[in-house]
Amino acid sequence: MIRSLAGVLLAAVMLGSAASSWAASPAYTYPEEFTRSGTMDGMGKDYVVINDQRYLLSKSLRVHTPQRPFSVLADVKVGDFVGVNVTGEGGGKLGVVEELWVLPNLRPVR
């Protein structure tokens, strides 16, 4: 009886440890690559400036922060390190940011 009780307690402790590690895992994962990444230098109603480069914002912009997978641009601050997916660059045209991800605990090497 003591052996079976010890086995049950051990299983409960192991399950509790696994549950706490599952809770600490992010609810979503970041892409492996971004079109561009860098420090958010500025932003306006329809544009952002990342590493001194201006980009337009898509009307269907998707913003992701470490706290929430679906966020808004107001949650992003100047100085945040971000990764973006940009379309329509080239030929003198400004790129359009389709997705913006705030990257936690990362800073560019300058």
C-alpha atoms as a PDB file:
ATOM      1  CA  MET A   1       0.000   0.000   0.000  1.00  0.00           C
ATOM      2  CA  ILE A   2       2.834   2.416   0.824  1.00  0.00           C
ATOM      3  CA  ARG A   3       4.485   1.663  -2.528  1.00  0.00           C
ATOM      4  CA  SER A   4       1.296   2.413  -4.454  1.00  0.00           C
ATOM      5  CA  LEU A   5       0.750   5.616  -2.451  1.00  0.00           C
ATOM      6  CA  ALA A   6       4.350   6.678  -3.185  1.00  0.00           C
ATOM      7  CA  GLY A   7       3.784   5.945  -6.889  1.00  0.00           C
ATOM      8  CA  VAL A   8       0.626   8.048  -6.936  1.00  0.00           C
ATOM      9  CA  LEU A   9       2.392  10.929  -5.159  1.00  0.00           C
ATOM     10  CA  LEU A  10       5.346  10.735  -7.553  1.00  0.00           C
ATOM     11  CA  ALA A  11       3.013  10.788 -10.554  1.00  0.00           C
ATOM     12  CA  ALA A  12       1.143  13.793  -9.111  1.00  0.00           C
ATOM     13  CA  VAL A  13       4.396  15.711  -8.570  1.00  0.00           C
ATOM     14  CA  MET A  14       5.574  14.925 -12.104  1.00  0.00           C
ATOM     15  CA  LEU A  15       2.227  15.948 -13.587  1.00  0.00           C
ATOM     16  CA  GLY A  16       2.255  19.186 -11.568  1.00  0.00           C
ATOM     17  CA  SER A  17       5.762  20.019 -12.831  1.00  0.00           C
ATOM     18  CA  ALA A  18       4.757  19.341 -16.417  1.00  0.00           C
ATOM     19  CA  ALA A  19       1.637  21.485 -16.068  1.00  0.00           C
ATOM     20  CA  SER A  20       3.633  24.442 -14.751  1.00  0.00           C
ATOM     21  CA  SER A  21       6.086  24.205 -17.651  1.00  0.00           C
ATOM     22  CA  TRP A  22       3.189  24.026 -20.121  1.00  0.00           C
ATOM     23  CA  ALA A  23       1.703  27.174 -18.591  1.00  0.00           C
ATOM     24  CA  ALA A  24       5.035  29.003 -19.043  1.00  0.00           C
ATOM     25  CA  SER A  25       5.210  28.150 -22.756  1.00  0.00           C
ATOM     26  CA  PRO A  26       4.057  30.891 -25.135  1.00  0.00           C
ATOM     27  CA  ALA A  27       0.624  30.449 -26.644  1.00  0.00           C
ATOM     28  CA  TYR A  28       2.096  30.960 -30.112  1.00  0.00           C
ATOM     29  CA  THR A  29       5.436  30.807 -31.863  1.00  0.00           C
ATOM     30  CA  TYR A  30       7.380  33.420 -33.756  1.00  0.00           C
ATOM     31  CA  PRO A  31       8.283  32.947 -37.430  1.00  0.00           C
ATOM     32  CA  GLU A  32      11.787  31.686 -38.132  1.00  0.00           C
ATOM     33  CA  GLU A  33      12.488  34.584 -40.530  1.00  0.00           C
ATOM     34  CA  PHE A  34      11.376  38.161 -41.099  1.00  0.00           C
ATOM     35  CA  THR A  35      11.737  40.350 -44.184  1.00  0.00           C
ATOM     36  CA  ARG A  36      13.312  43.042 -41.987  1.00  0.00           C
ATOM     37  CA  SER A  37      14.149  43.460 -38.304  1.00  0.00           C
ATOM     38  CA  GLY A  38      15.502  46.235 -36.149  1.00  0.00           C
ATOM     39  CA  THR A  39      14.718  48.959 -33.651  1.00  0.00           C
ATOM     40  CA  MET A  40      11.435  50.844 -33.915  1.00  0.00           C
ATOM     41  CA  ASP A  41      12.628  54.441 -34.418  1.00  0.00           C
ATOM     42  CA  GLY A  42       9.247  56.075 -34.916  1.00  0.00           C
ATOM     43  CA  MET A  43       5.667  55.589 -36.009  1.00  0.00           C
ATOM     44  CA  GLY A  44       2.680  57.459 -37.293  1.00  0.00           C
ATOM     45  CA  LYS A  45      -0.899  56.732 -38.265  1.00  0.00           C
ATOM     46  CA  ASP A  46       0.038  54.984 -41.514  1.00  0.00           C
ATOM     47  CA  TYR A  47       3.788  54.326 -41.274  1.00  0.00           C
ATOM     48  CA  VAL A  48       6.622  53.037 -39.075  1.00  0.00           C
ATOM     49  CA  VAL A  49      10.342  53.788 -39.102  1.00  0.00           C
ATOM     50  CA  ILE A  50      12.619  50.824 -38.412  1.00  0.00           C
ATOM     51  CA  ASN A  51      16.403  51.315 -38.442  1.00  0.00           C
ATOM     52  CA  ASP A  52      15.902  54.748 -40.035  1.00  0.00           C
ATOM     53  CA  GLN A  53      13.887  53.220 -42.918  1.00  0.00           C
ATOM     54  CA  ARG A  54      10.264  54.267 -43.415  1.00  0.00           C
ATOM     55  CA  TYR A  55       7.604  51.647 -44.224  1.00  0.00           C
ATOM     56  CA  LEU A  56       3.906  52.038 -44.912  1.00  0.00           C
ATOM     57  CA  LEU A  57       1.396  50.065 -42.840  1.00  0.00           C
ATOM     58  CA  SER A  58      -1.001  47.628 -44.460  1.00  0.00           C
ATOM     59  CA  LYS A  59      -4.704  48.255 -43.877  1.00  0.00           C
ATOM     60  CA  SER A  60      -4.817  44.657 -42.636  1.00  0.00           C
ATOM     61  CA  LEU A  61      -1.697  44.966 -40.414  1.00  0.00           C
ATOM     62  CA  ARG A  62      -1.266  42.150 -37.881  1.00  0.00           C
ATOM     63  CA  VAL A  63       0.642  43.062 -34.711  1.00  0.00           C
ATOM     64  CA  HIS A  64       2.021  40.479 -32.269  1.00  0.00           C
ATOM     65  CA  THR A  65       3.584  41.160 -28.858  1.00  0.00           C
ATOM     66  CA  PRO A  66       5.058  38.748 -26.296  1.00  0.00           C
ATOM     67  CA  GLN A  67       1.949  39.292 -24.170  1.00  0.00           C
ATOM     68  CA  ARG A  68      -0.654  38.794 -26.921  1.00  0.00           C
ATOM     69  CA  PRO A  69      -0.601  37.077 -30.308  1.00  0.00           C
ATOM     70  CA  PHE A  70      -3.159  39.577 -31.659  1.00  0.00           C
ATOM     71  CA  SER A  71      -2.351  43.080 -30.562  1.00  0.00           C
ATOM     72  CA  VAL A  72      -2.535  46.660 -31.851  1.00  0.00           C
ATOM     73  CA  LEU A  73       0.121  49.124 -32.964  1.00  0.00           C
ATOM     74  CA  ALA A  74      -0.468  51.207 -29.822  1.00  0.00           C
ATOM     75  CA  ASP A  75       1.129  48.331 -27.838  1.00  0.00           C
ATOM     76  CA  VAL A  76       4.431  48.862 -29.688  1.00  0.00           C
ATOM     77  CA  LYS A  77       6.848  51.480 -28.374  1.00  0.00           C
ATOM     78  CA  VAL A  78       9.708  53.408 -29.939  1.00  0.00           C
ATOM     79  CA  GLY A  79      12.860  51.523 -28.940  1.00  0.00           C
ATOM     80  CA  ASP A  80      11.252  48.062 -29.195  1.00  0.00           C
ATOM     81  CA  PHE A  81      13.130  45.529 -31.297  1.00  0.00           C
ATOM     82  CA  VAL A  82      10.780  44.240 -33.987  1.00  0.00           C
ATOM     83  CA  GLY A  83      10.634  41.811 -36.860  1.00  0.00           C
ATOM     84  CA  VAL A  84       8.409  42.680 -39.824  1.00  0.00           C
ATOM     85  CA  ASN A  85       7.192  41.045 -42.984  1.00  0.00           C
ATOM     86  CA  VAL A  86       7.202  43.596 -45.799  1.00  0.00           C
ATOM     87  CA  THR A  87       5.722  43.390 -49.304  1.00  0.00           C
ATOM     88  CA  GLY A  88       5.970  45.632 -52.377  1.00  0.00           C
ATOM     89  CA  GLU A  89       9.518  46.934 -51.822  1.00  0.00           C
ATOM     90  CA  GLY A  90      11.766  47.917 -54.675  1.00  0.00           C
ATOM     91  CA  GLY A  91      11.900  50.243 -57.607  1.00  0.00           C
ATOM     92  CA  GLY A  92      11.838  53.275 -55.343  1.00  0.00           C
ATOM     93  CA  LYS A  93       8.565  52.186 -53.686  1.00  0.00           C
ATOM     94  CA  LEU A  94       8.158  52.080 -49.923  1.00  0.00           C
ATOM     95  CA  GLY A  95       7.534  48.610 -48.552  1.00  0.00           C
ATOM     96  CA  VAL A  96       4.250  47.807 -46.840  1.00  0.00           C
ATOM     97  CA  VAL A  97       4.384  46.121 -43.417  1.00  0.00           C
ATOM     98  CA  GLU A  98       1.893  43.247 -43.333  1.00  0.00           C
ATOM     99  CA  GLU A  99       2.982  41.765 -39.979  1.00  0.00           C
ATOM    100  CA  LEU A 100       4.866  43.304 -37.068  1.00  0.00           C
ATOM    101  CA  TRP A 101       6.278  41.196 -34.230  1.00  0.00           C
ATOM    102  CA  VAL A 102       7.778  42.677 -31.049  1.00  0.00           C
ATOM    103  CA  LEU A 103      10.793  40.481 -30.327  1.00  0.00           C
ATOM    104  CA  PRO A 104      11.344  39.938 -26.596  1.00  0.00           C
ATOM    105  CA  ASN A 105      14.777  40.335 -25.028  1.00  0.00           C
ATOM    106  CA  LEU A 106      16.540  40.979 -28.325  1.00  0.00           C
ATOM    107  CA  ARG A 107      18.562  44.011 -29.310  1.00  0.00           C
ATOM    108  CA  PRO A 108      20.369  44.581 -32.598  1.00  0.00           C
ATOM    109  CA  VAL A 109      24.142  44.672 -32.823  1.00  0.00           C
ATOM    110  CA  ARG A 110      25.162  48.075 -34.174  1.00  0.00           C
END
